[in-house]
Structures are given as C-alpha cells and as structure tokens.
Amino acid sequence: MDSQVAARIRANPNFLTLVRIRSTFAWTLAIIMLVIYYAFILLVAFAPGLMATPVIGPVTLGFPLGLGVILSAIVLTGIYVFRANGEFDDLTRKVVASVGATGAVR
C-alpha cells in the first residue's frame, strides 16, 4: 500500500470513527479488568483473613473470587468480540469499500 492510499484511509471519516470508538471501548474494558484484577490482589495482600473465610466446607472465599476474576476476563472478551463482529466490522467494510483496489477513493 502506498502512502497516498494510507493517507486516504486515515482521512476517511468511517476510519476515524472506527478508531475512536474501538479505542474507547477497548480501554474501558481494559480498565474494568484491571480494577477487578487489582481489587483481588489487594484483597489477597491486605485482607488475608477475609479471603480465608470458609464458604462451603474447606473452600475459602478466595477460591470463588479467583474464579470470578477468570470468568470476568472471559465475559469481557466475549463482549468485545460480540461488538467487534458487529459494529466494528461494519465500519471496517465501509472503509474498505471507499478505497478501491487501485487505491482511488470511490
């Protein structure tokens, strides 16, 4: 791809919308995951008694909370994939459609 085609893509309003929306959404999900993860780590570090609280038999509170951290990562990934396969792919198709094989903007 030559620099003129790349410049046209970067100037495309659909591309600018895609980059802005995708970046904002990705950062939001990343911050949510970091808050969940670091909250768990802080509980382990500063509230070991709470984490050692028995829930059912020998299972302590730390185990279901740890599973919650893992499941939240899976859920957040699923949310991103769902949105990427819908809205983000639609915007990407619009950008690709506006730039032909020769690089001319349609």
C-alpha atoms as a PDB file:
ATOM      1  CA  MET A   1       0.000   0.000   0.000  1.00  0.00           C
ATOM      2  CA  ASP A   2       1.426   3.324  -0.935  1.00  0.00           C
ATOM      3  CA  SER A   3       1.434   6.347   1.313  1.00  0.00           C
ATOM      4  CA  GLN A   4      -1.352   8.096  -0.615  1.00  0.00           C
ATOM      5  CA  VAL A   5      -3.761   5.210  -0.045  1.00  0.00           C
ATOM      6  CA  ALA A   6      -2.799   5.082   3.632  1.00  0.00           C
ATOM      7  CA  ALA A   7      -3.377   8.828   3.918  1.00  0.00           C
ATOM      8  CA  ARG A   8      -6.815   8.474   2.293  1.00  0.00           C
ATOM      9  CA  ILE A   9      -7.732   5.695   4.693  1.00  0.00           C
ATOM     10  CA  ARG A  10      -6.573   7.729   7.700  1.00  0.00           C
ATOM     11  CA  ALA A  11      -8.631  10.704   6.457  1.00  0.00           C
ATOM     12  CA  ASN A  12     -11.765   8.596   5.911  1.00  0.00           C
ATOM     13  CA  PRO A  13     -14.494   9.639   8.379  1.00  0.00           C
ATOM     14  CA  ASN A  14     -15.533   5.995   8.888  1.00  0.00           C
ATOM     15  CA  PHE A  15     -11.949   5.066   9.755  1.00  0.00           C
ATOM     16  CA  LEU A  16     -11.696   7.928  12.236  1.00  0.00           C
ATOM     17  CA  THR A  17     -14.983   6.846  13.815  1.00  0.00           C
ATOM     18  CA  LEU A  18     -13.807   3.243  13.965  1.00  0.00           C
ATOM     19  CA  VAL A  19     -10.527   4.141  15.635  1.00  0.00           C
ATOM     20  CA  ARG A  20     -12.181   6.442  18.180  1.00  0.00           C
ATOM     21  CA  ILE A  21     -14.993   4.057  19.135  1.00  0.00           C
ATOM     22  CA  ARG A  22     -12.818   0.937  19.199  1.00  0.00           C
ATOM     23  CA  SER A  23     -10.077   2.593  21.239  1.00  0.00           C
ATOM     24  CA  THR A  24     -12.510   3.999  23.783  1.00  0.00           C
ATOM     25  CA  PHE A  25     -14.297   0.678  24.127  1.00  0.00           C
ATOM     26  CA  ALA A  26     -11.080  -1.344  24.405  1.00  0.00           C
ATOM     27  CA  TRP A  27      -9.640   0.992  27.042  1.00  0.00           C
ATOM     28  CA  THR A  28     -12.884   0.873  29.009  1.00  0.00           C
ATOM     29  CA  LEU A  29     -12.853  -2.925  29.080  1.00  0.00           C
ATOM     30  CA  ALA A  30      -9.152  -2.966  29.947  1.00  0.00           C
ATOM     31  CA  ILE A  31      -9.691  -0.602  32.876  1.00  0.00           C
ATOM     32  CA  ILE A  32     -12.611  -2.689  34.133  1.00  0.00           C
ATOM     33  CA  MET A  33     -10.454  -5.824  34.005  1.00  0.00           C
ATOM     34  CA  LEU A  34      -7.551  -4.106  35.748  1.00  0.00           C
ATOM     35  CA  VAL A  35      -9.830  -2.871  38.530  1.00  0.00           C
ATOM     36  CA  ILE A  36     -11.199  -6.392  39.040  1.00  0.00           C
ATOM     37  CA  TYR A  37      -7.739  -7.957  38.994  1.00  0.00           C
ATOM     38  CA  TYR A  38      -6.087  -5.424  41.296  1.00  0.00           C
ATOM     39  CA  ALA A  39      -9.023  -5.493  43.705  1.00  0.00           C
ATOM     40  CA  PHE A  40      -8.488  -9.243  44.004  1.00  0.00           C
ATOM     41  CA  ILE A  41      -4.739  -8.802  44.534  1.00  0.00           C
ATOM     42  CA  LEU A  42      -5.337  -6.098  47.146  1.00  0.00           C
ATOM     43  CA  LEU A  43      -7.745  -8.396  48.982  1.00  0.00           C
ATOM     44  CA  VAL A  44      -5.128 -11.137  48.973  1.00  0.00           C
ATOM     45  CA  ALA A  45      -2.464  -8.740  50.253  1.00  0.00           C
ATOM     46  CA  PHE A  46      -4.404  -6.717  52.788  1.00  0.00           C
ATOM     47  CA  ALA A  47      -7.346  -8.904  53.816  1.00  0.00           C
ATOM     48  CA  PRO A  48      -5.995 -12.440  54.029  1.00  0.00           C
ATOM     49  CA  GLY A  49      -8.403 -13.209  56.866  1.00  0.00           C
ATOM     50  CA  LEU A  50     -11.359 -12.321  54.671  1.00  0.00           C
ATOM     51  CA  MET A  51     -10.004 -14.418  51.812  1.00  0.00           C
ATOM     52  CA  ALA A  52      -9.510 -17.346  54.212  1.00  0.00           C
ATOM     53  CA  THR A  53     -13.132 -17.249  55.343  1.00  0.00           C
ATOM     54  CA  PRO A  54     -14.682 -20.685  54.783  1.00  0.00           C
ATOM     55  CA  VAL A  55     -17.621 -20.647  52.382  1.00  0.00           C
ATOM     56  CA  ILE A  56     -18.555 -24.310  51.937  1.00  0.00           C
ATOM     57  CA  GLY A  57     -16.537 -26.885  53.820  1.00  0.00           C
ATOM     58  CA  PRO A  58     -12.841 -26.443  53.052  1.00  0.00           C
ATOM     59  CA  VAL A  59     -13.488 -23.942  50.229  1.00  0.00           C
ATOM     60  CA  THR A  60     -12.499 -20.413  51.235  1.00  0.00           C
ATOM     61  CA  LEU A  61     -13.807 -17.120  49.865  1.00  0.00           C
ATOM     62  CA  GLY A  62     -10.599 -16.649  47.855  1.00  0.00           C
ATOM     63  CA  PHE A  63     -11.426 -19.551  45.548  1.00  0.00           C
ATOM     64  CA  PRO A  64     -14.779 -18.277  44.196  1.00  0.00           C
ATOM     65  CA  LEU A  65     -13.377 -14.740  43.994  1.00  0.00           C
ATOM     66  CA  GLY A  66     -10.427 -16.058  41.954  1.00  0.00           C
ATOM     67  CA  LEU A  67     -12.835 -17.873  39.665  1.00  0.00           C
ATOM     68  CA  GLY A  68     -14.779 -14.637  39.371  1.00  0.00           C
ATOM     69  CA  VAL A  69     -11.656 -12.854  38.134  1.00  0.00           C
ATOM     70  CA  ILE A  70     -11.126 -15.523  35.467  1.00  0.00           C
ATOM     71  CA  LEU A  71     -14.791 -15.549  34.440  1.00  0.00           C
ATOM     72  CA  SER A  72     -14.886 -11.760  34.237  1.00  0.00           C
ATOM     73  CA  ALA A  73     -11.968 -11.862  31.787  1.00  0.00           C
ATOM     74  CA  ILE A  74     -13.855 -14.386  29.655  1.00  0.00           C
ATOM     75  CA  VAL A  75     -17.069 -12.333  29.765  1.00  0.00           C
ATOM     76  CA  LEU A  76     -15.291  -9.074  28.896  1.00  0.00           C
ATOM     77  CA  THR A  77     -13.538 -10.802  25.993  1.00  0.00           C
ATOM     78  CA  GLY A  78     -16.893 -12.098  24.765  1.00  0.00           C
ATOM     79  CA  ILE A  79     -18.381  -8.610  24.966  1.00  0.00           C
ATOM     80  CA  TYR A  80     -15.501  -7.216  22.913  1.00  0.00           C
ATOM     81  CA  VAL A  81     -15.757  -9.988  20.294  1.00  0.00           C
ATOM     82  CA  PHE A  82     -19.538  -9.516  20.018  1.00  0.00           C
ATOM     83  CA  ARG A  83     -19.160  -5.807  19.380  1.00  0.00           C
ATOM     84  CA  ALA A  84     -16.132  -6.266  17.097  1.00  0.00           C
ATOM     85  CA  ASN A  85     -18.010  -8.753  14.911  1.00  0.00           C
ATOM     86  CA  GLY A  86     -20.902  -6.330  14.575  1.00  0.00           C
ATOM     87  CA  GLU A  87     -20.286  -2.610  14.732  1.00  0.00           C
ATOM     88  CA  PHE A  88     -16.514  -2.640  14.182  1.00  0.00           C
ATOM     89  CA  ASP A  89     -16.703  -4.999  11.197  1.00  0.00           C
ATOM     90  CA  ASP A  90     -19.426  -2.860   9.619  1.00  0.00           C
ATOM     91  CA  LEU A  91     -17.253   0.242   9.898  1.00  0.00           C
ATOM     92  CA  THR A  92     -14.258  -1.669   8.528  1.00  0.00           C
ATOM     93  CA  ARG A  93     -16.297  -2.784   5.495  1.00  0.00           C
ATOM     94  CA  LYS A  94     -17.307   0.827   4.864  1.00  0.00           C
ATOM     95  CA  VAL A  95     -13.662   1.920   4.944  1.00  0.00           C
ATOM     96  CA  VAL A  96     -12.595  -0.889   2.596  1.00  0.00           C
ATOM     97  CA  ALA A  97     -15.490  -0.134   0.230  1.00  0.00           C
ATOM     98  CA  SER A  98     -14.438   3.504  -0.017  1.00  0.00           C
ATOM     99  CA  VAL A  99     -10.925   2.551  -1.158  1.00  0.00           C
ATOM    100  CA  GLY A 100     -10.761   0.529  -4.395  1.00  0.00           C
ATOM    101  CA  ALA A 101      -8.096  -1.960  -5.473  1.00  0.00           C
ATOM    102  CA  THR A 102      -6.273   0.840  -7.299  1.00  0.00           C
ATOM    103  CA  GLY A 103      -6.302   2.983  -4.209  1.00  0.00           C
ATOM    104  CA  ALA A 104      -8.745   5.512  -5.620  1.00  0.00           C
ATOM    105  CA  VAL A 105     -11.406   6.752  -3.258  1.00  0.00           C
ATOM    106  CA  ARG A 106     -14.877   5.942  -4.541  1.00  0.00           C
END
